[in-house]
Amino acid sequence: MIFTPYSLIGDWPSIAIRETVKLGKCYTIEADGVHGDILRKRHISHVAWKRWVKRNVEFPAFDLNYRYNLRHSALAIFQGQDVYNAYARYCPRPVKLNHHVPVYAGDHISPDQLETKLVSAQQGDRLKIVYAGRAIDMKGPLEWMATLQHLNERGVKFEATWLGDGPMLDAMKAQNIPGVHMAGFVGDRNLMLTVLRGAHVFLFCHNTLESARILGEALACGAPLIGFRTDYPADLVSDHGGGLFSDMGDVNGLAEIVARLDKDRTKLADLIASAAASGREFDRDALLRKRVEMVKANRASGKRLQLKDEHFERPGPHRLGT
């Protein structure tokens, strides 16, 4: 059995886990985001008493419940280094596996496509900047726009495209920044991949600890990651390169990185080649097979582990999801 609990309180996976524990069965838990961090940043109220209830009642209750789910699992599969770092200490058998990145055979940038993009970068073509995702707060759409505004002020010539719809799209359009195109919802995945393969830069401003799948897709298309630094994107490019990062929230820093790449086209081309090399690591079919084998092996290992709190690092002042 595999469960993916995520909600504040009382979601079906958490209820099922409680019943599974009562039956003495083993189960696997999966996570692709640090849910405590995401909840704290997304569930923000402007009403003082609601903020107090969330901070002092709801969020601590979520932490306790999620820690229970982790502690009693027989296997925990985490997508992304941020998630692993936050949750591994509470699990008997934690594993990091980026198996939810939807990159399949034929999705990777071809050698000819890569060569065309490298030539485009080196000969000084206008920078092509891309992002793909929903226009919601956790994706940092306003920070994305602010970064592009800083690039305009620096005199950088670019074409920036946001692929995706969402409640903040109108606010983005209202800024009317030259060179920025809001494509809205794109249902054709092949079109999205084509745009990514043509991008010199994949600019992202994620402000929560989520393991966004689009970062792996961008690398597979040879689009370097330029965005806010967390352990997840840094780990994706740790072996072959292909990413440069600023501190969380530092849009000036992001703009400076892009502006430097615009001036140093050899460095930009090298970064593109490195991104493509990092992207070749992704093969969802192979990773899903590995996931199945891990779950099978864990199931064959016997009944659910009989766990005691002393088997794990005490959380102390550390808060789940921070």
Protein backbone atom coordinates (compact mmCIF):
# COMPACT_ATOMS: atom_id res chain seq x y z
CA MET A 1 0.00 0.00 0.00
CA ILE A 2 1.21 3.48 -0.90
CA PHE A 3 -0.19 6.64 0.70
CA THR A 4 0.40 10.31 0.00
CA PRO A 5 -1.06 12.40 2.84
CA TYR A 6 -1.01 16.13 2.28
CA SER A 7 -3.98 18.00 3.79
CA LEU A 8 -4.13 19.97 6.98
CA ILE A 9 -6.27 17.52 8.97
CA GLY A 10 -8.38 14.46 8.13
CA ASP A 11 -7.46 13.66 4.54
CA TRP A 12 -8.26 10.14 3.33
CA PRO A 13 -4.64 8.94 3.11
CA SER A 14 -4.05 9.85 6.76
CA ILE A 15 -7.22 8.08 7.84
CA ALA A 16 -6.21 5.01 5.83
CA ILE A 17 -2.77 5.05 7.44
CA ARG A 18 -4.32 4.96 10.93
CA GLU A 19 -6.36 1.91 9.95
CA THR A 20 -3.34 0.25 8.35
CA VAL A 21 -1.32 0.73 11.54
CA LYS A 22 -4.15 -0.79 13.59
CA LEU A 23 -4.07 -3.85 11.33
CA GLY A 24 -0.30 -4.17 11.71
CA LYS A 25 0.29 -3.88 7.97
CA CYS A 26 3.26 -2.25 6.28
CA TYR A 27 2.84 0.73 3.97
CA THR A 28 4.88 3.15 1.90
CA ILE A 29 4.51 6.90 2.19
CA GLU A 30 5.40 9.31 -0.63
CA ALA A 31 5.88 13.08 -0.71
CA ASP A 32 6.96 15.55 -3.38
CA GLY A 33 6.77 18.67 -1.26
CA VAL A 34 7.47 19.82 2.28
CA HIS A 35 3.80 20.11 3.07
CA GLY A 36 4.23 21.93 6.37
CA ASP A 37 6.18 24.67 4.60
CA ILE A 38 3.66 24.88 1.75
CA LEU A 39 0.67 25.03 4.10
CA ARG A 40 2.23 27.75 6.22
CA LYS A 41 2.93 29.92 3.19
CA ARG A 42 -0.32 29.31 1.32
CA HIS A 43 -2.86 29.33 4.15
CA ILE A 44 -2.26 32.89 5.22
CA SER A 45 -5.23 34.87 6.58
CA HIS A 46 -5.53 38.63 6.91
CA VAL A 47 -7.72 38.11 9.99
CA ALA A 48 -5.67 38.14 13.19
CA TRP A 49 -7.64 35.50 15.09
CA LYS A 50 -7.56 33.12 12.11
CA ARG A 51 -3.79 33.52 11.88
CA TRP A 52 -3.53 32.71 15.58
CA VAL A 53 -5.66 29.55 15.20
CA LYS A 54 -3.64 28.34 12.24
CA ARG A 55 -0.29 29.06 13.87
CA ASN A 56 -1.13 27.62 17.29
CA VAL A 57 -3.70 24.90 16.56
CA GLU A 58 -4.00 23.77 12.95
CA PHE A 59 -0.36 23.75 11.86
CA PRO A 60 0.94 22.00 15.02
CA ALA A 61 -1.84 19.41 14.61
CA PHE A 62 -0.75 18.83 11.03
CA ASP A 63 2.87 18.39 12.14
CA LEU A 64 1.95 15.79 14.75
CA ASN A 65 -0.25 13.85 12.35
CA TYR A 66 2.29 13.91 9.53
CA ARG A 67 5.08 12.85 11.86
CA TYR A 68 2.92 9.90 12.93
CA ASN A 69 2.45 8.94 9.27
CA LEU A 70 6.18 9.09 8.63
CA ARG A 71 7.21 7.30 11.81
CA HIS A 72 4.99 4.28 11.22
CA SER A 73 5.84 3.82 7.55
CA ALA A 74 7.94 0.87 6.45
CA LEU A 75 9.33 2.83 3.49
CA ALA A 76 9.29 6.53 2.62
CA ILE A 77 9.96 7.70 -0.95
CA PHE A 78 10.72 11.39 -1.26
CA GLN A 79 10.99 13.36 -4.47
CA GLY A 80 13.63 16.03 -4.14
CA GLN A 81 16.41 16.91 -1.74
CA ASP A 82 14.30 19.50 0.13
CA VAL A 83 11.70 16.88 1.00
CA TYR A 84 14.30 14.30 1.97
CA ASN A 85 16.12 16.77 4.21
CA ALA A 86 12.92 17.76 5.98
CA TYR A 87 11.41 14.32 6.52
CA ALA A 88 14.09 11.61 6.44
CA ARG A 89 14.89 11.99 10.15
CA TYR A 90 11.40 10.77 11.07
CA CYS A 91 11.40 7.60 8.94
CA PRO A 92 12.93 4.14 9.37
CA ARG A 93 13.71 3.74 5.65
CA PRO A 94 13.84 7.03 3.73
CA VAL A 95 14.75 7.08 0.03
CA LYS A 96 15.18 9.98 -2.39
CA LEU A 97 13.88 9.26 -5.90
CA ASN A 98 12.88 11.87 -8.50
CA HIS A 99 10.36 9.53 -10.09
CA HIS A 100 7.51 11.98 -10.66
CA VAL A 101 9.35 14.08 -13.25
CA PRO A 102 7.39 13.26 -16.45
CA VAL A 103 10.28 12.89 -18.89
CA TYR A 104 9.94 9.94 -21.26
CA ALA A 105 11.84 8.54 -24.22
CA GLY A 106 11.77 11.11 -27.01
CA ASP A 107 11.27 14.09 -24.70
CA HIS A 108 14.94 15.01 -24.37
CA ILE A 109 16.45 17.67 -26.58
CA SER A 110 18.12 16.03 -29.59
CA PRO A 111 21.78 16.65 -30.50
CA ASP A 112 20.71 18.71 -33.53
CA GLN A 113 18.28 20.78 -31.48
CA LEU A 114 20.93 21.35 -28.84
CA GLU A 115 23.47 22.45 -31.45
CA THR A 116 20.96 24.92 -32.92
CA LYS A 117 20.32 26.40 -29.49
CA LEU A 118 24.03 26.65 -28.69
CA VAL A 119 24.62 28.55 -31.95
CA SER A 120 21.70 30.86 -31.13
CA ALA A 121 23.14 31.57 -27.69
CA GLN A 122 26.67 32.18 -28.92
CA GLN A 123 25.75 34.49 -31.79
CA GLY A 124 23.93 36.87 -29.46
CA ASP A 125 20.29 36.25 -30.33
CA ARG A 126 17.70 37.91 -28.12
CA LEU A 127 17.41 35.90 -24.90
CA LYS A 128 14.48 33.50 -24.79
CA ILE A 129 13.22 33.17 -21.22
CA VAL A 130 10.49 30.68 -20.33
CA TYR A 131 8.45 29.46 -17.39
CA ALA A 132 5.68 26.84 -17.42
CA GLY A 133 3.27 26.43 -14.53
CA ARG A 134 0.16 27.83 -12.88
CA ALA A 135 0.04 31.52 -12.05
CA ILE A 136 -0.45 31.03 -8.31
CA ASP A 137 1.35 32.56 -5.37
CA MET A 138 3.63 29.62 -4.57
CA LYS A 139 5.09 29.78 -8.10
CA GLY A 140 6.19 33.39 -7.55
CA PRO A 141 4.60 35.00 -10.63
CA LEU A 142 4.98 38.54 -9.33
CA GLU A 143 8.62 37.91 -8.42
CA TRP A 144 9.07 36.53 -11.95
CA MET A 145 7.66 39.74 -13.40
CA ALA A 146 9.80 41.85 -11.07
CA THR A 147 12.91 40.03 -12.29
CA LEU A 148 11.99 40.80 -15.90
CA GLN A 149 11.38 44.44 -15.03
CA HIS A 150 14.89 44.61 -13.57
CA LEU A 151 16.22 43.09 -16.81
CA ASN A 152 14.45 45.79 -18.81
CA GLU A 153 16.02 48.43 -16.61
CA ARG A 154 19.44 46.90 -17.28
CA GLY A 155 18.84 47.09 -21.02
CA VAL A 156 18.74 43.31 -21.57
CA LYS A 157 16.88 42.36 -24.75
CA PHE A 158 14.68 39.32 -24.21
CA GLU A 159 11.50 37.49 -25.11
CA ALA A 160 9.86 36.01 -22.00
CA THR A 161 6.95 33.55 -22.11
CA TRP A 162 4.81 32.25 -19.23
CA LEU A 163 3.00 29.04 -20.20
CA GLY A 164 0.07 28.41 -17.90
CA ASP A 165 -3.15 29.84 -16.52
CA GLY A 166 -4.09 30.78 -12.99
CA PRO A 167 -5.74 33.35 -10.71
CA MET A 168 -2.74 35.71 -10.77
CA LEU A 169 -2.43 35.87 -14.56
CA ASP A 170 -4.45 39.10 -14.84
CA ALA A 171 -2.22 40.78 -12.26
CA MET A 172 0.80 39.75 -14.30
CA LYS A 173 -0.70 41.06 -17.54
CA ALA A 174 -1.59 44.36 -15.87
CA GLN A 175 2.11 45.13 -15.41
CA ASN A 176 2.48 45.34 -19.20
CA ILE A 177 6.22 44.70 -19.22
CA PRO A 178 7.74 44.91 -22.72
CA GLY A 179 8.90 41.59 -24.16
CA VAL A 180 6.67 39.46 -21.90
CA HIS A 181 4.03 37.13 -23.35
CA MET A 182 1.35 35.37 -21.30
CA ALA A 183 0.43 32.27 -23.31
CA GLY A 184 -2.26 31.09 -20.90
CA PHE A 185 -3.23 27.44 -20.66
CA VAL A 186 -1.35 25.17 -23.07
CA GLY A 187 -2.93 21.74 -23.41
CA ASP A 188 -0.48 20.47 -26.02
CA ARG A 189 2.47 18.97 -24.14
CA ASN A 190 4.52 18.69 -27.33
CA LEU A 191 4.14 22.43 -27.83
CA MET A 192 5.34 23.05 -24.29
CA LEU A 193 8.39 20.84 -24.84
CA THR A 194 9.14 22.66 -28.10
CA VAL A 195 9.11 26.01 -26.30
CA LEU A 196 11.37 24.62 -23.56
CA ARG A 197 13.82 23.24 -26.12
CA GLY A 198 14.08 26.70 -27.66
CA ALA A 199 14.62 28.50 -24.34
CA HIS A 200 18.00 29.91 -23.36
CA VAL A 201 16.87 30.30 -19.73
CA PHE A 202 14.21 28.66 -17.56
CA LEU A 203 13.46 31.35 -14.99
CA PHE A 204 11.59 30.27 -11.84
CA CYS A 205 10.69 32.00 -8.59
CA HIS A 206 9.21 29.20 -6.46
CA ASN A 207 8.80 30.33 -2.86
CA THR A 208 7.92 27.05 -1.15
CA LEU A 209 9.79 23.78 -0.69
CA GLU A 210 8.06 21.85 -3.46
CA SER A 211 9.78 19.46 -5.84
CA ALA A 212 8.36 21.02 -8.99
CA ARG A 213 8.43 18.52 -11.85
CA ILE A 214 8.85 21.21 -14.47
CA LEU A 215 12.45 21.78 -13.39
CA GLY A 216 13.40 18.29 -14.54
CA GLU A 217 11.48 18.76 -17.79
CA ALA A 218 13.33 22.02 -18.41
CA LEU A 219 16.71 20.34 -17.93
CA ALA A 220 15.72 17.51 -20.27
CA CYS A 221 15.03 20.19 -22.88
CA GLY A 222 18.40 21.84 -22.33
CA ALA A 223 16.97 24.91 -20.55
CA PRO A 224 19.25 26.06 -17.69
CA LEU A 225 17.61 26.62 -14.32
CA ILE A 226 17.86 30.20 -13.07
CA GLY A 227 15.86 30.73 -9.89
CA PHE A 228 15.62 30.89 -6.13
CA ARG A 229 18.01 28.51 -4.39
CA THR A 230 16.76 25.55 -2.40
CA ASP A 231 18.26 22.09 -2.07
CA TYR A 232 15.98 20.54 -4.71
CA PRO A 233 17.09 22.48 -7.81
CA ALA A 234 20.68 22.62 -6.56
CA ASP A 235 20.70 18.83 -6.29
CA LEU A 236 19.25 18.39 -9.79
CA VAL A 237 22.33 20.06 -11.30
CA SER A 238 24.90 18.90 -8.74
CA ASP A 239 26.55 16.32 -11.03
CA HIS A 240 26.65 18.01 -14.43
CA GLY A 241 25.72 21.64 -13.80
CA GLY A 242 23.13 23.66 -15.68
CA GLY A 243 21.78 25.98 -13.01
CA LEU A 244 22.52 29.25 -11.23
CA PHE A 245 20.61 30.47 -8.19
CA SER A 246 19.99 33.50 -6.01
CA ASP A 247 18.77 33.58 -2.43
CA MET A 248 15.04 33.07 -1.88
CA GLY A 249 13.19 36.25 -2.80
CA ASP A 250 16.22 38.02 -4.30
CA VAL A 251 14.84 39.17 -7.66
CA ASN A 252 17.71 41.62 -8.09
CA GLY A 253 20.10 38.70 -7.77
CA LEU A 254 18.20 36.72 -10.40
CA ALA A 255 18.23 39.65 -12.80
CA GLU A 256 21.97 40.06 -12.26
CA ILE A 257 22.58 36.39 -13.09
CA VAL A 258 20.60 36.64 -16.33
CA ALA A 259 22.22 39.95 -17.28
CA ARG A 260 25.69 38.45 -16.83
CA LEU A 261 24.75 35.48 -19.01
CA ASP A 262 23.46 37.85 -21.67
CA LYS A 263 26.85 39.56 -21.75
CA ASP A 264 28.87 36.32 -21.60
CA ARG A 265 27.37 34.16 -24.33
CA THR A 266 30.10 31.53 -24.06
CA LYS A 267 29.14 30.97 -20.44
CA LEU A 268 25.47 30.83 -21.44
CA ALA A 269 26.21 28.18 -24.08
CA ASP A 270 28.22 26.14 -21.58
CA LEU A 271 25.33 26.36 -19.11
CA ILE A 272 22.87 25.16 -21.76
CA ALA A 273 25.08 22.17 -22.60
CA SER A 274 25.41 21.35 -18.89
CA ALA A 275 21.63 21.57 -18.43
CA ALA A 276 21.10 19.08 -21.24
CA ALA A 277 23.62 16.73 -19.61
CA SER A 278 21.78 16.96 -16.28
CA GLY A 279 18.48 16.39 -18.06
CA ARG A 280 19.63 13.13 -19.58
CA GLU A 281 19.42 11.62 -16.09
CA PHE A 282 15.61 11.69 -16.23
CA ASP A 283 13.71 8.63 -17.47
CA ARG A 284 10.37 8.27 -15.76
CA ASP A 285 9.68 4.74 -16.97
CA ALA A 286 12.97 3.49 -15.54
CA LEU A 287 12.47 5.39 -12.28
CA LEU A 288 8.93 4.09 -11.86
CA ARG A 289 10.21 0.54 -12.34
CA LYS A 290 12.78 1.22 -9.65
CA ARG A 291 10.03 2.55 -7.38
CA VAL A 292 7.95 -0.60 -7.92
CA GLU A 293 10.93 -2.81 -7.11
CA MET A 294 11.63 -0.88 -3.91
CA VAL A 295 8.02 -1.20 -2.77
CA LYS A 296 8.01 -4.92 -3.60
CA ALA A 297 11.28 -5.50 -1.75
CA ASN A 298 9.97 -3.64 1.26
CA ARG A 299 6.75 -5.63 1.22
CA ALA A 300 8.70 -8.88 1.05
CA SER A 301 10.80 -7.87 4.03
CA GLY A 302 7.99 -8.70 6.41
CA LYS A 303 5.43 -7.08 8.64
CA ARG A 304 5.38 -3.46 9.56
CA LEU A 305 8.30 -2.46 11.75
CA GLN A 306 7.51 -2.18 15.42
CA LEU A 307 8.77 1.32 16.06
CA LYS A 308 9.54 3.35 19.12
CA ASP A 309 10.12 7.07 19.31
CA GLU A 310 13.74 6.64 20.38
CA HIS A 311 14.55 5.15 16.97
CA PHE A 312 14.29 8.62 15.46
CA GLU A 313 15.84 12.00 15.90
CA ARG A 314 13.86 14.03 18.36
CA PRO A 315 12.26 16.98 16.59
CA GLY A 316 13.03 19.40 19.40
CA PRO A 317 12.49 22.97 18.22
CA HIS A 318 12.51 21.87 14.58
CA ARG A 319 9.10 22.23 13.00
CA LEU A 320 8.00 19.79 10.34
CA GLY A 321 8.06 21.54 7.02
CA THR A 322 10.49 24.30 7.89
